């Protein structure tokens, strides 16, 4: 009897904890995942994020969108630098898969010639993880389409 009461109580708590999270999910994902060719890599910051968020810019030619919506041929991504060297192995011309979050704001805005200038209005920032190099024998790369 005690075991049944405890299991019932735990089930109710679990439902209450999980329910609010399900209610705040948005039908339109703010994720954007795409495959692209690296067009340009920004200046390496040389440090990782700490007290301030540190980003390195990269520009891509979008080949296909795996998740989310994006209708432009090029995209600039602010890659968050945790260690300061996340893009060191990336080369212009590499085919990559990039996972980003779309946001109207960013912790620290970088401006760099060839990417964006201080006066440019940015409707959305795309902050990205370290890109995954897509090679013919990439086992973790499922087709994008």
Protein backbone atom coordinates (compact mmCIF):
# COMPACT_ATOMS: atom_id res chain seq x y z
CA UNK A 1 0.00 0.00 0.00
CA UNK A 2 2.76 2.49 0.95
CA UNK A 3 4.62 1.61 -2.25
CA UNK A 4 1.55 2.40 -4.36
CA UNK A 5 1.06 5.76 -2.64
CA UNK A 6 4.74 6.67 -3.12
CA UNK A 7 4.67 5.66 -6.81
CA UNK A 8 1.45 7.64 -7.36
CA UNK A 9 2.93 10.70 -5.65
CA UNK A 10 6.13 10.46 -7.71
CA UNK A 11 4.10 10.11 -10.91
CA UNK A 12 2.09 13.25 -10.08
CA UNK A 13 5.27 15.20 -9.30
CA UNK A 14 6.87 13.99 -12.54
CA UNK A 15 3.83 15.05 -14.58
CA UNK A 16 3.74 18.47 -12.91
CA UNK A 17 7.45 19.05 -13.52
CA UNK A 18 7.32 17.98 -17.16
CA UNK A 19 4.04 19.58 -18.20
CA UNK A 20 5.10 23.26 -18.13
CA UNK A 21 8.05 22.48 -20.41
CA UNK A 22 5.76 20.90 -22.98
CA UNK A 23 3.47 23.94 -22.93
CA UNK A 24 6.23 26.42 -23.73
CA UNK A 25 7.59 24.61 -26.77
CA UNK A 26 7.14 26.59 -29.96
CA UNK A 27 5.79 25.04 -33.15
CA UNK A 28 8.39 26.91 -35.22
CA UNK A 29 11.87 25.86 -34.31
CA UNK A 30 14.51 28.52 -33.73
CA UNK A 31 17.14 26.03 -34.84
CA UNK A 32 18.65 26.25 -38.27
CA UNK A 33 20.74 23.35 -39.49
CA UNK A 34 22.23 23.54 -42.95
CA UNK A 35 24.92 22.17 -45.24
CA UNK A 36 27.16 24.71 -46.87
CA UNK A 37 30.50 25.56 -48.41
CA UNK A 38 32.83 27.73 -46.32
CA UNK A 39 33.31 31.05 -48.14
CA UNK A 40 35.22 33.07 -45.55
CA UNK A 41 36.52 32.64 -42.00
CA UNK A 42 36.84 35.62 -39.70
CA UNK A 43 39.77 36.56 -37.53
CA UNK A 44 40.44 34.09 -34.75
CA UNK A 45 39.90 35.68 -31.34
CA UNK A 46 42.74 33.66 -29.80
CA UNK A 47 40.80 33.18 -26.56
CA UNK A 48 37.74 31.32 -25.46
CA UNK A 49 34.64 32.62 -23.81
CA UNK A 50 34.81 33.37 -20.13
CA UNK A 51 33.44 36.47 -18.45
CA UNK A 52 32.35 37.67 -21.93
CA UNK A 53 31.03 35.61 -24.84
CA UNK A 54 33.64 35.42 -27.61
CA UNK A 55 32.60 34.71 -31.19
CA UNK A 56 34.37 34.08 -34.48
CA UNK A 57 32.54 34.89 -37.70
CA UNK A 58 32.24 32.60 -40.70
CA UNK A 59 30.42 33.09 -43.98
CA UNK A 60 28.86 30.17 -45.82
CA UNK A 61 27.23 29.45 -49.19
CA UNK A 62 24.08 27.54 -48.22
CA UNK A 63 23.62 24.31 -50.21
CA UNK A 64 20.62 22.83 -48.39
CA UNK A 65 18.61 23.35 -45.22
CA UNK A 66 18.22 20.30 -42.97
CA UNK A 67 16.04 21.91 -40.29
CA UNK A 68 14.39 25.31 -40.01
CA UNK A 69 13.77 27.91 -42.67
CA UNK A 70 16.31 29.99 -44.58
CA UNK A 71 15.87 31.35 -48.10
CA UNK A 72 19.14 33.21 -48.73
CA UNK A 73 22.19 31.86 -50.60
CA UNK A 74 24.69 33.10 -48.00
CA UNK A 75 24.72 33.25 -44.23
CA UNK A 76 27.03 34.73 -41.60
CA UNK A 77 27.33 32.67 -38.42
CA UNK A 78 28.68 33.84 -35.07
CA UNK A 79 30.48 30.76 -33.75
CA UNK A 80 30.76 30.76 -29.96
CA UNK A 81 34.36 30.13 -28.98
CA UNK A 82 34.63 27.97 -25.89
CA UNK A 83 38.36 27.29 -26.27
CA UNK A 84 39.29 29.86 -28.89
CA UNK A 85 40.31 27.40 -31.60
CA UNK A 86 37.05 25.76 -32.73
CA UNK A 87 37.42 26.93 -36.36
CA UNK A 88 41.18 26.35 -36.71
CA UNK A 89 40.71 23.21 -38.86
CA UNK A 90 38.15 24.85 -41.14
CA UNK A 91 39.26 25.88 -44.64
CA UNK A 92 37.61 27.93 -47.38
CA UNK A 93 35.94 25.47 -49.75
CA UNK A 94 35.17 22.85 -47.09
CA UNK A 95 31.69 21.35 -47.15
CA UNK A 96 30.21 21.46 -43.65
CA UNK A 97 27.04 20.93 -41.67
CA UNK A 98 26.31 23.79 -39.28
CA UNK A 99 23.92 23.79 -36.31
CA UNK A 100 22.76 27.27 -35.32
CA UNK A 101 20.27 29.06 -33.12
CA UNK A 102 18.37 32.01 -34.56
CA UNK A 103 17.99 35.03 -32.30
CA UNK A 104 17.24 38.74 -32.54
CA UNK A 105 19.99 39.46 -30.01
CA UNK A 106 23.51 38.28 -29.28
CA UNK A 107 25.70 38.56 -26.18
CA UNK A 108 28.60 40.31 -27.94
CA UNK A 109 28.23 41.65 -31.47
CA UNK A 110 31.32 41.32 -33.67
CA UNK A 111 31.79 43.49 -36.71
CA UNK A 112 34.44 42.59 -39.25
CA UNK A 113 35.13 43.68 -42.80
CA UNK A 114 33.64 41.23 -45.28
CA UNK A 115 31.02 40.01 -42.80
CA UNK A 116 29.19 43.03 -41.38
CA UNK A 117 29.88 46.60 -40.38
CA UNK A 118 28.87 48.46 -37.24
CA UNK A 119 26.13 50.33 -39.12
CA UNK A 120 24.56 47.19 -40.62
CA UNK A 121 21.14 46.28 -39.24
CA UNK A 122 21.02 42.59 -38.34
CA UNK A 123 17.50 41.18 -38.27
CA UNK A 124 18.63 37.80 -36.90
CA UNK A 125 21.89 36.50 -35.51
CA UNK A 126 22.76 32.87 -36.13
CA UNK A 127 24.99 31.56 -33.36
CA UNK A 128 26.62 28.29 -34.21
CA UNK A 129 28.37 25.29 -32.83
CA UNK A 130 31.59 23.96 -34.28
CA UNK A 131 30.80 22.91 -37.89
CA UNK A 132 30.94 19.24 -38.85
CA UNK A 133 33.11 18.53 -41.88
CA UNK A 134 31.03 16.60 -44.42
CA UNK A 135 33.11 14.04 -46.28
CA UNK A 136 32.05 11.12 -48.50
CA UNK A 137 32.74 8.66 -45.66
CA UNK A 138 31.18 10.72 -42.85
CA UNK A 139 29.36 8.19 -40.68
CA UNK A 140 27.62 10.79 -38.50
CA UNK A 141 26.28 12.75 -41.48
CA UNK A 142 22.85 11.68 -42.62
CA UNK A 143 21.68 13.27 -45.87
CA UNK A 144 20.27 16.72 -45.33
CA UNK A 145 17.25 16.40 -47.58
